[in-house]
Amino acid sequence: MLARRLEEEYELYEEVPQSQSLPQPRRRVCLNTQLRAKCCILFVTVSAMAMLVTFLSGLSASRGYALVQTKQEALSLESENERLRLEVAKLKAPQRIQQLAASELGMVVSKNVYFAAEKP
């Protein structure tokens, strides 16, 4: 009885041959070209802005590195300038000049100093 019932159900659900099925009518797809064009323009605009931001941030970073390098160079030049000022001050010192005159040139400081003055 159970087997008979399954056979009846099988006969009810038999597939219809492909030749008898009706062909599906083809739907014509209508593309929204204006929306597509707007999306393309939006994509190009956003891409251009992203590239501009990337370029400007790279430019800013390179300028920052150049600024740091210039500051370091300025500090080194200032320290060298200070060192040269001290060296000039040492070379201009009267004690040093007197010592060089006495040792290298054979000059001596006189003990008596005489001044000549004109009478009016």
PDB file of N, CA and C in Angstrom:
ATOM      1  N   MET A   1       0.802  -1.173   0.000  1.00  0.00           N
ATOM      2  CA  MET A   1       0.000   0.000   0.000  1.00  0.00           C
ATOM      3  C   MET A   1       0.871   1.274   0.000  1.00  0.00           C
ATOM      4  N   LEU A   2       1.879   1.216   0.790  1.00  0.00           N
ATOM      5  CA  LEU A   2       2.803   2.341   0.833  1.00  0.00           C
ATOM      6  C   LEU A   2       3.549   2.469  -0.481  1.00  0.00           C
ATOM      7  N   ALA A   3       3.950   1.366  -1.072  1.00  0.00           N
ATOM      8  CA  ALA A   3       4.655   1.393  -2.340  1.00  0.00           C
ATOM      9  C   ALA A   3       3.747   1.916  -3.435  1.00  0.00           C
ATOM     10  N   ARG A   4       2.488   1.559  -3.394  1.00  0.00           N
ATOM     11  CA  ARG A   4       1.540   1.993  -4.396  1.00  0.00           C
ATOM     12  C   ARG A   4       1.322   3.508  -4.317  1.00  0.00           C
ATOM     13  N   ARG A   5       1.263   4.033  -3.096  1.00  0.00           N
ATOM     14  CA  ARG A   5       1.056   5.453  -2.886  1.00  0.00           C
ATOM     15  C   ARG A   5       2.263   6.245  -3.455  1.00  0.00           C
ATOM     16  N   LEU A   6       3.480   5.751  -3.269  1.00  0.00           N
ATOM     17  CA  LEU A   6       4.665   6.426  -3.783  1.00  0.00           C
ATOM     18  C   LEU A   6       4.659   6.442  -5.297  1.00  0.00           C
ATOM     19  N   GLU A   7       4.190   5.348  -5.920  1.00  0.00           N
ATOM     20  CA  GLU A   7       4.129   5.313  -7.372  1.00  0.00           C
ATOM     21  C   GLU A   7       3.131   6.332  -7.878  1.00  0.00           C
ATOM     22  N   GLU A   8       2.013   6.496  -7.205  1.00  0.00           N
ATOM     23  CA  GLU A   8       1.015   7.473  -7.631  1.00  0.00           C
ATOM     24  C   GLU A   8       1.561   8.891  -7.498  1.00  0.00           C
ATOM     25  N   GLU A   9       2.250   9.151  -6.405  1.00  0.00           N
ATOM     26  CA  GLU A   9       2.828  10.486  -6.221  1.00  0.00           C
ATOM     27  C   GLU A   9       3.894  10.755  -7.265  1.00  0.00           C
ATOM     28  N   TYR A  10       4.650   9.720  -7.635  1.00  0.00           N
ATOM     29  CA  TYR A  10       5.694   9.880  -8.631  1.00  0.00           C
ATOM     30  C   TYR A  10       5.083  10.253  -9.962  1.00  0.00           C
ATOM     31  N   GLU A  11       3.965   9.616 -10.298  1.00  0.00           N
ATOM     32  CA  GLU A  11       3.305   9.920 -11.552  1.00  0.00           C
ATOM     33  C   GLU A  11       2.751  11.342 -11.554  1.00  0.00           C
ATOM     34  N   LEU A  12       2.321  11.831 -10.408  1.00  0.00           N
ATOM     35  CA  LEU A  12       1.791  13.190 -10.341  1.00  0.00           C
ATOM     36  C   LEU A  12       2.885  14.243 -10.580  1.00  0.00           C
ATOM     37  N   TYR A  13       4.051  13.956 -10.112  1.00  0.00           N
ATOM     38  CA  TYR A  13       5.134  14.943 -10.185  1.00  0.00           C
ATOM     39  C   TYR A  13       6.082  14.686 -11.349  1.00  0.00           C
ATOM     40  N   GLU A  14       5.659  14.030 -12.360  1.00  0.00           N
ATOM     41  CA  GLU A  14       6.516  13.769 -13.501  1.00  0.00           C
ATOM     42  C   GLU A  14       6.868  15.083 -14.174  1.00  0.00           C
ATOM     43  N   GLU A  15       8.084  15.129 -14.683  1.00  0.00           N
ATOM     44  CA  GLU A  15       8.538  16.353 -15.338  1.00  0.00           C
ATOM     45  C   GLU A  15       7.926  16.491 -16.705  1.00  0.00           C
ATOM     46  N   VAL A  16       7.709  17.706 -17.076  1.00  0.00           N
ATOM     47  CA  VAL A  16       7.171  18.004 -18.396  1.00  0.00           C
ATOM     48  C   VAL A  16       8.363  18.049 -19.344  1.00  0.00           C
ATOM     49  N   PRO A  17       8.295  17.432 -20.491  1.00  0.00           N
ATOM     50  CA  PRO A  17       9.410  17.469 -21.433  1.00  0.00           C
ATOM     51  C   PRO A  17       9.734  18.897 -21.847  1.00  0.00           C
ATOM     52  N   GLN A  18      10.986  19.141 -22.194  1.00  0.00           N
ATOM     53  CA  GLN A  18      11.465  20.477 -22.531  1.00  0.00           C
ATOM     54  C   GLN A  18      10.810  21.015 -23.798  1.00  0.00           C
ATOM     55  N   SER A  19      10.463  20.190 -24.696  1.00  0.00           N
ATOM     56  CA  SER A  19       9.874  20.660 -25.951  1.00  0.00           C
ATOM     57  C   SER A  19       8.506  21.286 -25.736  1.00  0.00           C
ATOM     58  N   GLN A  20       7.804  20.900 -24.695  1.00  0.00           N
ATOM     59  CA  GLN A  20       6.471  21.432 -24.454  1.00  0.00           C
ATOM     60  C   GLN A  20       6.494  22.710 -23.621  1.00  0.00           C
ATOM     61  N   SER A  21       7.607  23.038 -23.005  1.00  0.00           N
ATOM     62  CA  SER A  21       7.634  24.240 -22.165  1.00  0.00           C
ATOM     63  C   SER A  21       7.649  25.487 -23.044  1.00  0.00           C
ATOM     64  N   LEU A  22       7.081  26.538 -22.532  1.00  0.00           N
ATOM     65  CA  LEU A  22       6.979  27.778 -23.291  1.00  0.00           C
ATOM     66  C   LEU A  22       8.292  28.557 -23.175  1.00  0.00           C
ATOM     67  N   PRO A  23       8.741  29.143 -24.248  1.00  0.00           N
ATOM     68  CA  PRO A  23       9.974  29.937 -24.163  1.00  0.00           C
ATOM     69  C   PRO A  23       9.730  31.214 -23.368  1.00  0.00           C
ATOM     70  N   GLN A  24      10.716  31.566 -22.580  1.00  0.00           N
ATOM     71  CA  GLN A  24      10.628  32.779 -21.769  1.00  0.00           C
ATOM     72  C   GLN A  24      10.838  33.993 -22.675  1.00  0.00           C
ATOM     73  N   PRO A  25       9.987  34.987 -22.562  1.00  0.00           N
ATOM     74  CA  PRO A  25      10.203  36.192 -23.374  1.00  0.00           C
ATOM     75  C   PRO A  25      11.437  36.934 -22.835  1.00  0.00           C
ATOM     76  N   ARG A  26      12.273  37.414 -23.734  1.00  0.00           N
ATOM     77  CA  ARG A  26      13.483  38.122 -23.328  1.00  0.00           C
ATOM     78  C   ARG A  26      13.125  39.542 -22.912  1.00  0.00           C
ATOM     79  N   ARG A  27      13.609  39.888 -21.740  1.00  0.00           N
ATOM     80  CA  ARG A  27      13.376  41.255 -21.276  1.00  0.00           C
ATOM     81  C   ARG A  27      14.482  42.139 -21.806  1.00  0.00           C
ATOM     82  N   ARG A  28      14.139  43.252 -22.261  1.00  0.00           N
ATOM     83  CA  ARG A  28      15.136  44.197 -22.736  1.00  0.00           C
ATOM     84  C   ARG A  28      15.653  44.984 -21.532  1.00  0.00           C
ATOM     85  N   VAL A  29      16.959  44.931 -21.352  1.00  0.00           N
ATOM     86  CA  VAL A  29      17.567  45.611 -20.213  1.00  0.00           C
ATOM     87  C   VAL A  29      17.834  47.066 -20.608  1.00  0.00           C
ATOM     88  N   CYS A  30      17.312  47.955 -19.826  1.00  0.00           N
ATOM     89  CA  CYS A  30      17.498  49.380 -20.081  1.00  0.00           C
ATOM     90  C   CYS A  30      18.554  49.906 -19.114  1.00  0.00           C
ATOM     91  N   LEU A  31      19.701  50.316 -19.647  1.00  0.00           N
ATOM     92  CA  LEU A  31      20.783  50.808 -18.808  1.00  0.00           C
ATOM     93  C   LEU A  31      20.602  52.294 -18.540  1.00  0.00           C
ATOM     94  N   ASN A  32      20.898  52.677 -17.312  1.00  0.00           N
ATOM     95  CA  ASN A  32      20.827  54.082 -16.932  1.00  0.00           C
ATOM     96  C   ASN A  32      22.213  54.679 -17.180  1.00  0.00           C
ATOM     97  N   THR A  33      22.424  55.198 -18.370  1.00  0.00           N
ATOM     98  CA  THR A  33      23.749  55.706 -18.744  1.00  0.00           C
ATOM     99  C   THR A  33      24.088  56.990 -18.004  1.00  0.00           C
ATOM    100  N   GLN A  34      23.105  57.782 -17.662  1.00  0.00           N
ATOM    101  CA  GLN A  34      23.389  59.020 -16.929  1.00  0.00           C
ATOM    102  C   GLN A  34      23.930  58.698 -15.536  1.00  0.00           C
ATOM    103  N   LEU A  35      23.337  57.716 -14.874  1.00  0.00           N
ATOM    104  CA  LEU A  35      23.816  57.323 -13.552  1.00  0.00           C
ATOM    105  C   LEU A  35      25.218  56.750 -13.645  1.00  0.00           C
ATOM    106  N   ARG A  36      25.447  55.947 -14.687  1.00  0.00           N
ATOM    107  CA  ARG A  36      26.780  55.374 -14.870  1.00  0.00           C
ATOM    108  C   ARG A  36      27.812  56.471 -15.107  1.00  0.00           C
ATOM    109  N   ALA A  37      27.487  57.471 -15.901  1.00  0.00           N
ATOM    110  CA  ALA A  37      28.405  58.581 -16.179  1.00  0.00           C
ATOM    111  C   ALA A  37      28.670  59.379 -14.908  1.00  0.00           C
ATOM    112  N   LYS A  38      27.628  59.612 -14.117  1.00  0.00           N
ATOM    113  CA  LYS A  38      27.817  60.352 -12.863  1.00  0.00           C
ATOM    114  C   LYS A  38      28.708  59.576 -11.894  1.00  0.00           C
ATOM    115  N   CYS A  39      28.524  58.263 -11.857  1.00  0.00           N
ATOM    116  CA  CYS A  39      29.373  57.434 -10.981  1.00  0.00           C
ATOM    117  C   CYS A  39      30.825  57.463 -11.438  1.00  0.00           C
ATOM    118  N   CYS A  40      31.043  57.420 -12.742  1.00  0.00           N
ATOM    119  CA  CYS A  40      32.405  57.487 -13.268  1.00  0.00           C
ATOM    120  C   CYS A  40      33.046  58.824 -12.932  1.00  0.00           C
ATOM    121  N   ILE A  41      32.308  59.908 -13.101  1.00  0.00           N
ATOM    122  CA  ILE A  41      32.832  61.239 -12.778  1.00  0.00           C
ATOM    123  C   ILE A  41      33.136  61.330 -11.287  1.00  0.00           C
ATOM    124  N   LEU A  42      32.273  60.805 -10.455  1.00  0.00           N
ATOM    125  CA  LEU A  42      32.503  60.810  -9.015  1.00  0.00           C
ATOM    126  C   LEU A  42      33.763  60.011  -8.665  1.00  0.00           C
ATOM    127  N   PHE A  43      33.909  58.851  -9.282  1.00  0.00           N
ATOM    128  CA  PHE A  43      35.081  58.019  -9.021  1.00  0.00           C
ATOM    129  C   PHE A  43      36.370  58.726  -9.440  1.00  0.00           C
ATOM    130  N   VAL A  44      36.366  59.344 -10.612  1.00  0.00           N
ATOM    131  CA  VAL A  44      37.555  60.061 -11.096  1.00  0.00           C
ATOM    132  C   VAL A  44      37.864  61.245 -10.187  1.00  0.00           C
ATOM    133  N   THR A  45      36.835  61.965  -9.753  1.00  0.00           N
ATOM    134  CA  THR A  45      37.038  63.119  -8.872  1.00  0.00           C
ATOM    135  C   THR A  45      37.617  62.691  -7.527  1.00  0.00           C
ATOM    136  N   VAL A  46      37.061  61.657  -6.934  1.00  0.00           N
ATOM    137  CA  VAL A  46      37.553  61.177  -5.641  1.00  0.00           C
ATOM    138  C   VAL A  46      38.982  60.649  -5.782  1.00  0.00           C
ATOM    139  N   SER A  47      39.268  59.955  -6.873  1.00  0.00           N
ATOM    140  CA  SER A  47      40.620  59.447  -7.100  1.00  0.00           C
ATOM    141  C   SER A  47      41.621  60.586  -7.256  1.00  0.00           C
ATOM    142  N   ALA A  48      41.236  61.619  -8.010  1.00  0.00           N
ATOM    143  CA  ALA A  48      42.118  62.771  -8.196  1.00  0.00           C
ATOM    144  C   ALA A  48      42.373  63.478  -6.871  1.00  0.00           C
ATOM    145  N   MET A  49      41.338  63.623  -6.061  1.00  0.00           N
ATOM    146  CA  MET A  49      41.511  64.288  -4.764  1.00  0.00           C
ATOM    147  C   MET A  49      42.400  63.455  -3.845  1.00  0.00           C
ATOM    148  N   ALA A  50      42.254  62.141  -3.882  1.00  0.00           N
ATOM    149  CA  ALA A  50      43.098  61.280  -3.054  1.00  0.00           C
ATOM    150  C   ALA A  50      44.553  61.378  -3.489  1.00  0.00           C
ATOM    151  N   MET A  51      44.791  61.418  -4.803  1.00  0.00           N
ATOM    152  CA  MET A  51      46.173  61.565  -5.286  1.00  0.00           C
ATOM    153  C   MET A  51      46.737  62.922  -4.900  1.00  0.00           C
ATOM    154  N   LEU A  52      45.917  63.967  -4.954  1.00  0.00           N
ATOM    155  CA  LEU A  52      46.372  65.298  -4.576  1.00  0.00           C
ATOM    156  C   LEU A  52      46.738  65.347  -3.096  1.00  0.00           C
ATOM    157  N   VAL A  53      45.905  64.758  -2.251  1.00  0.00           N
ATOM    158  CA  VAL A  53      46.190  64.728  -0.817  1.00  0.00           C
ATOM    159  C   VAL A  53      47.488  63.960  -0.552  1.00  0.00           C
ATOM    160  N   THR A  54      47.667  62.842  -1.236  1.00  0.00           N
ATOM    161  CA  THR A  54      48.887  62.053  -1.061  1.00  0.00           C
ATOM    162  C   THR A  54      50.107  62.844  -1.507  1.00  0.00           C
ATOM    163  N   PHE A  55      50.012  63.514  -2.647  1.00  0.00           N
ATOM    164  CA  PHE A  55      51.127  64.314  -3.144  1.00  0.00           C
ATOM    165  C   PHE A  55      51.462  65.448  -2.186  1.00  0.00           C
ATOM    166  N   LEU A  56      50.436  66.152  -1.704  1.00  0.00           N
ATOM    167  CA  LEU A  56      50.673  67.280  -0.799  1.00  0.00           C
ATOM    168  C   LEU A  56      51.243  66.825   0.537  1.00  0.00           C
ATOM    169  N   SER A  57      50.821  65.675   1.033  1.00  0.00           N
ATOM    170  CA  SER A  57      51.385  65.200   2.298  1.00  0.00           C
ATOM    171  C   SER A  57      52.845  64.801   2.109  1.00  0.00           C
ATOM    172  N   GLY A  58      53.185  64.221   0.973  1.00  0.00           N
ATOM    173  CA  GLY A  58      54.588  63.905   0.680  1.00  0.00           C
ATOM    174  C   GLY A  58      55.420  65.162   0.551  1.00  0.00           C
ATOM    175  N   LEU A  59      54.865  66.169  -0.106  1.00  0.00           N
ATOM    176  CA  LEU A  59      55.565  67.445  -0.247  1.00  0.00           C
ATOM    177  C   LEU A  59      55.781  68.098   1.113  1.00  0.00           C
ATOM    178  N   SER A  60      54.763  68.044   1.947  1.00  0.00           N
ATOM    179  CA  SER A  60      54.867  68.617   3.291  1.00  0.00           C
ATOM    180  C   SER A  60      55.924  67.885   4.115  1.00  0.00           C
ATOM    181  N   ALA A  61      55.963  66.581   4.008  1.00  0.00           N
ATOM    182  CA  ALA A  61      56.956  65.800   4.749  1.00  0.00           C
ATOM    183  C   ALA A  61      58.366  66.130   4.281  1.00  0.00           C
ATOM    184  N   SER A  62      58.568  66.248   2.975  1.00  0.00           N
ATOM    185  CA  SER A  62      59.908  66.564   2.471  1.00  0.00           C
ATOM    186  C   SER A  62      60.326  67.972   2.893  1.00  0.00           C
ATOM    187  N   ARG A  63      59.381  68.896   2.916  1.00  0.00           N
ATOM    188  CA  ARG A  63      59.711  70.249   3.394  1.00  0.00           C
ATOM    189  C   ARG A  63      60.045  70.232   4.887  1.00  0.00           C
ATOM    190  N   GLY A  64      59.361  69.404   5.638  1.00  0.00           N
ATOM    191  CA  GLY A  64      59.664  69.278   7.065  1.00  0.00           C
ATOM    192  C   GLY A  64      61.068  68.747   7.290  1.00  0.00           C
ATOM    193  N   TYR A  65      61.459  67.732   6.500  1.00  0.00           N
ATOM    194  CA  TYR A  65      62.813  67.198   6.617  1.00  0.00           C
ATOM    195  C   TYR A  65      63.850  68.254   6.235  1.00  0.00           C
ATOM    196  N   ALA A  66      63.553  69.031   5.192  1.00  0.00           N
ATOM    197  CA  ALA A  66      64.472  70.093   4.777  1.00  0.00           C
ATOM    198  C   ALA A  66      64.589  71.159   5.867  1.00  0.00           C
ATOM    199  N   LEU A  67      63.483  71.465   6.523  1.00  0.00           N
ATOM    200  CA  LEU A  67      63.507  72.455   7.603  1.00  0.00           C
ATOM    201  C   LEU A  67      64.356  71.971   8.769  1.00  0.00           C
ATOM    202  N   VAL A  68      64.200  70.715   9.149  1.00  0.00           N
ATOM    203  CA  VAL A  68      64.998  70.152  10.244  1.00  0.00           C
ATOM    204  C   VAL A  68      66.472  70.175   9.880  1.00  0.00           C
ATOM    205  N   GLN A  69      66.802  69.819   8.648  1.00  0.00           N
ATOM    206  CA  GLN A  69      68.197  69.814   8.214  1.00  0.00           C
ATOM    207  C   GLN A  69      68.766  71.234   8.218  1.00  0.00           C
ATOM    208  N   THR A  70      67.981  72.219   7.790  1.00  0.00           N
ATOM    209  CA  THR A  70      68.440  73.609   7.783  1.00  0.00           C
ATOM    210  C   THR A  70      68.668  74.109   9.207  1.00  0.00           C
ATOM    211  N   LYS A  71      67.775  73.728  10.135  1.00  0.00           N
ATOM    212  CA  LYS A  71      67.970  74.135  11.533  1.00  0.00           C
ATOM    213  C   LYS A  71      69.245  73.532  12.112  1.00  0.00           C
ATOM    214  N   GLN A  72      69.507  72.268  11.810  1.00  0.00           N
ATOM    215  CA  GLN A  72      70.732  71.630  12.302  1.00  0.00           C
ATOM    216  C   GLN A  72      71.958  72.302  11.705  1.00  0.00           C
ATOM    217  N   GLU A  73      71.893  72.646  10.429  1.00  0.00           N
ATOM    218  CA  GLU A  73      73.013  73.318   9.785  1.00  0.00           C
ATOM    219  C   GLU A  73      73.238  74.703  10.405  1.00  0.00           C
ATOM    220  N   ALA A  74      72.146  75.413  10.713  1.00  0.00           N
ATOM    221  CA  ALA A  74      72.260  76.730  11.339  1.00  0.00           C
ATOM    222  C   ALA A  74      72.903  76.617  12.723  1.00  0.00           C
ATOM    223  N   LEU A  75      72.510  75.592  13.485  1.00  0.00           N
ATOM    224  CA  LEU A  75      73.113  75.408  14.808  1.00  0.00           C
ATOM    225  C   LEU A  75      74.603  75.109  14.704  1.00  0.00           C
ATOM    226  N   SER A  76      74.986  74.271  13.745  1.00  0.00           N
ATOM    227  CA  SER A  76      76.407  73.952  13.605  1.00  0.00           C
ATOM    228  C   SER A  76      77.194  75.183  13.159  1.00  0.00           C
ATOM    229  N   LEU A  77      76.617  76.002  12.278  1.00  0.00           N
ATOM    230  CA  LEU A  77      77.303  77.226  11.847  1.00  0.00           C
ATOM    231  C   LEU A  77      77.423  78.233  12.990  1.00  0.00           C
ATOM    232  N   GLU A  78      76.392  78.321  13.824  1.00  0.00           N
ATOM    233  CA  GLU A  78      76.470  79.228  14.975  1.00  0.00           C
ATOM    234  C   GLU A  78      77.551  78.787  15.959  1.00  0.00           C
ATOM    235  N   SER A  79      77.658  77.493  16.200  1.00  0.00           N
ATOM    236  CA  SER A  79      78.703  77.018  17.116  1.00  0.00           C
ATOM    237  C   SER A  79      80.095  77.231  16.518  1.00  0.00           C
ATOM    238  N   GLU A  80      80.238  77.038  15.204  1.00  0.00           N
ATOM    239  CA  GLU A  80      81.528  77.294  14.560  1.00  0.00           C
ATOM    240  C   GLU A  80      81.858  78.779  14.595  1.00  0.00           C
ATOM    241  N   ASN A  81      80.853  79.637  14.418  1.00  0.00           N
ATOM    242  CA  ASN A  81      81.056  81.080  14.487  1.00  0.00           C
ATOM    243  C   ASN A  81      81.514  81.493  15.883  1.00  0.00           C
ATOM    244  N   GLU A  82      80.906  80.920  16.901  1.00  0.00           N
ATOM    245  CA  GLU A  82      81.310  81.233  18.280  1.00  0.00           C
ATOM    246  C   GLU A  82      82.749  80.785  18.544  1.00  0.00           C
ATOM    247  N   ARG A  83      83.095  79.600  18.028  1.00  0.00           N
ATOM    248  CA  ARG A  83      84.460  79.099  18.181  1.00  0.00           C
ATOM    249  C   ARG A  83      85.460  80.029  17.500  1.00  0.00           C
ATOM    250  N   LEU A  84      85.117  80.523  16.311  1.00  0.00           N
ATOM    251  CA  LEU A  84      86.016  81.436  15.601  1.00  0.00           C
ATOM    252  C   LEU A  84      86.126  82.784  16.317  1.00  0.00           C
ATOM    253  N   ARG A  85      85.054  83.260  16.914  1.00  0.00           N
ATOM    254  CA  ARG A  85      85.124  84.509  17.699  1.00  0.00           C
ATOM    255  C   ARG A  85      86.078  84.360  18.877  1.00  0.00           C
ATOM    256  N   LEU A  86      86.007  83.204  19.560  1.00  0.00           N
ATOM    257  CA  LEU A  86      86.932  82.972  20.672  1.00  0.00           C
ATOM    258  C   LEU A  86      88.379  82.908  20.181  1.00  0.00           C
ATOM    259  N   GLU A  87      88.584  82.298  19.038  1.00  0.00           N
ATOM    260  CA  GLU A  87      89.938  82.207  18.491  1.00  0.00           C
ATOM    261  C   GLU A  87      90.473  83.588  18.120  1.00  0.00           C
ATOM    262  N   VAL A  88      89.637  84.426  17.529  1.00  0.00           N
ATOM    263  CA  VAL A  88      90.040  85.796  17.196  1.00  0.00           C
ATOM    264  C   VAL A  88      90.355  86.573  18.468  1.00  0.00           C
ATOM    265  N   ALA A  89      89.533  86.388  19.494  1.00  0.00           N
ATOM    266  CA  ALA A  89      89.784  87.094  20.762  1.00  0.00           C
ATOM    267  C   ALA A  89      91.103  86.644  21.374  1.00  0.00           C
ATOM    268  N   LYS A  90      91.432  85.363  21.274  1.00  0.00           N
ATOM    269  CA  LYS A  90      92.714  84.879  21.801  1.00  0.00           C
ATOM    270  C   LYS A  90      93.877  85.435  21.002  1.00  0.00           C
ATOM    271  N   LEU A  91      93.710  85.522  19.687  1.00  0.00           N
ATOM    272  CA  LEU A  91      94.797  86.042  18.856  1.00  0.00           C
ATOM    273  C   LEU A  91      95.005  87.537  19.074  1.00  0.00           C
ATOM    274  N   LYS A  92      93.987  88.273  19.425  1.00  0.00           N
ATOM    275  CA  LYS A  92      94.097  89.711  19.660  1.00  0.00           C
ATOM    276  C   LYS A  92      94.503  90.060  21.085  1.00  0.00           C
ATOM    277  N   ALA A  93      94.646  89.091  21.942  1.00  0.00           N
ATOM    278  CA  ALA A  93      94.965  89.357  23.352  1.00  0.00           C
ATOM    279  C   ALA A  93      96.337  90.048  23.451  1.00  0.00           C
ATOM    280  N   PRO A  94      96.438  91.163  24.232  1.00  0.00           N
ATOM    281  CA  PRO A  94      97.705  91.900  24.352  1.00  0.00           C
ATOM    282  C   PRO A  94      98.834  91.042  24.930  1.00  0.00           C
ATOM    283  N   GLN A  95      98.547  90.134  25.843  1.00  0.00           N
ATOM    284  CA  GLN A  95      99.586  89.290  26.427  1.00  0.00           C
ATOM    285  C   GLN A  95     100.210  88.388  25.354  1.00  0.00           C
ATOM    286  N   ARG A  96      99.389  87.882  24.482  1.00  0.00           N
ATOM    287  CA  ARG A  96      99.885  87.005  23.424  1.00  0.00           C
ATOM    288  C   ARG A  96     100.768  87.794  22.461  1.00  0.00           C
ATOM    289  N   ILE A  97     100.311  88.993  22.099  1.00  0.00           N
ATOM    290  CA  ILE A  97     101.103  89.826  21.171  1.00  0.00           C
ATOM    291  C   ILE A  97     102.444  90.174  21.797  1.00  0.00           C
ATOM    292  N   GLN A  98     102.439  90.523  23.063  1.00  0.00           N
ATOM    293  CA  GLN A  98     103.688  90.863  23.758  1.00  0.00           C
ATOM    294  C   GLN A  98     104.609  89.646  23.800  1.00  0.00           C
ATOM    295  N   GLN A  99     104.075  88.477  24.077  1.00  0.00           N
ATOM    296  CA  GLN A  99     104.886  87.261  24.141  1.00  0.00           C
ATOM    297  C   GLN A  99     105.480  86.933  22.777  1.00  0.00           C
ATOM    298  N   LEU A 100     104.710  87.062  21.709  1.00  0.00           N
ATOM    299  CA  LEU A 100     105.227  86.799  20.360  1.00  0.00           C
ATOM    300  C   LEU A 100     106.309  87.810  19.986  1.00  0.00           C
ATOM    301  N   ALA A 101     106.100  89.068  20.331  1.00  0.00           N
ATOM    302  CA  ALA A 101     107.090  90.102  20.016  1.00  0.00           C
ATOM    303  C   ALA A 101     108.390  89.831  20.748  1.00  0.00           C
ATOM    304  N   ALA A 102     108.296  89.380  21.971  1.00  0.00           N
ATOM    305  CA  ALA A 102     109.508  89.133  22.754  1.00  0.00           C
ATOM    306  C   ALA A 102     110.199  87.855  22.306  1.00  0.00           C
ATOM    307  N   SER A 103     109.465  86.809  22.057  1.00  0.00           N
ATOM    308  CA  SER A 103     110.095  85.533  21.750  1.00  0.00           C
ATOM    309  C   SER A 103     110.530  85.412  20.290  1.00  0.00           C
ATOM    310  N   GLU A 104     109.739  85.840  19.338  1.00  0.00           N
ATOM    311  CA  GLU A 104     110.050  85.637  17.923  1.00  0.00           C
ATOM    312  C   GLU A 104     110.784  86.812  17.296  1.00  0.00           C
ATOM    313  N   LEU A 105     110.458  88.021  17.740  1.00  0.00           N
ATOM    314  CA  LEU A 105     111.052  89.202  17.116  1.00  0.00           C
ATOM    315  C   LEU A 105     112.174  89.809  17.956  1.00  0.00           C
ATOM    316  N   GLY A 106     112.350  89.342  19.131  1.00  0.00           N
ATOM    317  CA  GLY A 106     113.424  89.843  19.995  1.00  0.00           C
ATOM    318  C   GLY A 106     113.152  91.220  20.564  1.00  0.00           C
ATOM    319  N   MET A 107     111.963  91.656  20.607  1.00  0.00           N
ATOM    320  CA  MET A 107     111.623  92.962  21.164  1.00  0.00           C
ATOM    321  C   MET A 107     111.512  92.860  22.675  1.00  0.00           C
ATOM    322  N   VAL A 108     111.800  93.975  23.344  1.00  0.00           N
ATOM    323  CA  VAL A 108     111.656  94.036  24.793  1.00  0.00           C
ATOM    324  C   VAL A 108     110.876  95.286  25.158  1.00  0.00           C
ATOM    325  N   VAL A 109     110.230  95.210  26.259  1.00  0.00           N
ATOM    326  CA  VAL A 109     109.471  96.355  26.742  1.00  0.00           C
ATOM    327  C   VAL A 109     110.459  97.260  27.464  1.00  0.00           C
ATOM    328  N   SER A 110     110.458  98.515  27.089  1.00  0.00           N
ATOM    329  CA  SER A 110     111.380  99.450  27.730  1.00  0.00           C
ATOM    330  C   SER A 110     110.894  99.793  29.135  1.00  0.00           C
ATOM    331  N   LYS A 111     111.887 100.092  30.004  1.00  0.00           N
ATOM    332  CA  LYS A 111     111.543 100.397  31.384  1.00  0.00           C
ATOM    333  C   LYS A 111     111.185 101.855  31.548  1.00  0.00           C
ATOM    334  N   ASN A 112     111.803 102.708  30.770  1.00  0.00           N
ATOM    335  CA  ASN A 112     111.501 104.131  30.847  1.00  0.00           C
ATOM    336  C   ASN A 112     110.801 104.561  29.562  1.00  0.00           C
ATOM    337  N   VAL A 113     109.811 105.377  29.730  1.00  0.00           N
ATOM    338  CA  VAL A 113     109.075 105.878  28.581  1.00  0.00           C
ATOM    339  C   VAL A 113     109.220 107.387  28.580  1.00  0.00           C
ATOM    340  N   TYR A 114     109.629 107.924  27.446  1.00  0.00           N
ATOM    341  CA  TYR A 114     109.802 109.369  27.311  1.00  0.00           C
ATOM    342  C   TYR A 114     108.831 109.879  26.269  1.00  0.00           C
ATOM    343  N   PHE A 115     108.229 111.021  26.586  1.00  0.00           N
ATOM    344  CA  PHE A 115     107.289 111.655  25.653  1.00  0.00           C
ATOM    345  C   PHE A 115     107.859 112.986  25.268  1.00  0.00           C
ATOM    346  N   ALA A 116     107.687 113.319  24.028  1.00  0.00           N
ATOM    347  CA  ALA A 116     108.127 114.637  23.559  1.00  0.00           C
ATOM    348  C   ALA A 116     106.885 115.468  23.303  1.00  0.00           C
ATOM    349  N   ALA A 117     106.896 116.651  23.779  1.00  0.00           N
ATOM    350  CA  ALA A 117     105.749 117.525  23.577  1.00  0.00           C
ATOM    351  C   ALA A 117     106.238 118.855  23.049  1.00  0.00           C
ATOM    352  N   GLU A 118     105.520 119.448  22.167  1.00  0.00           N
ATOM    353  CA  GLU A 118     105.869 120.746  21.615  1.00  0.00           C
ATOM    354  C   GLU A 118     105.387 121.844  22.545  1.00  0.00           C
ATOM    355  N   LYS A 119     106.160 122.868  22.618  1.00  0.00           N
ATOM    356  CA  LYS A 119     105.745 124.001  23.437  1.00  0.00           C
ATOM    357  C   LYS A 119     104.989 124.973  22.556  1.00  0.00           C
ATOM    358  N   PRO A 120     103.903 125.452  23.016  1.00  0.00           N
ATOM    359  CA  PRO A 120     103.131 126.376  22.185  1.00  0.00           C
ATOM    360  C   PRO A 120     103.678 127.758  22.112  1.00  0.00           C
TER     361      PRO A 120
END
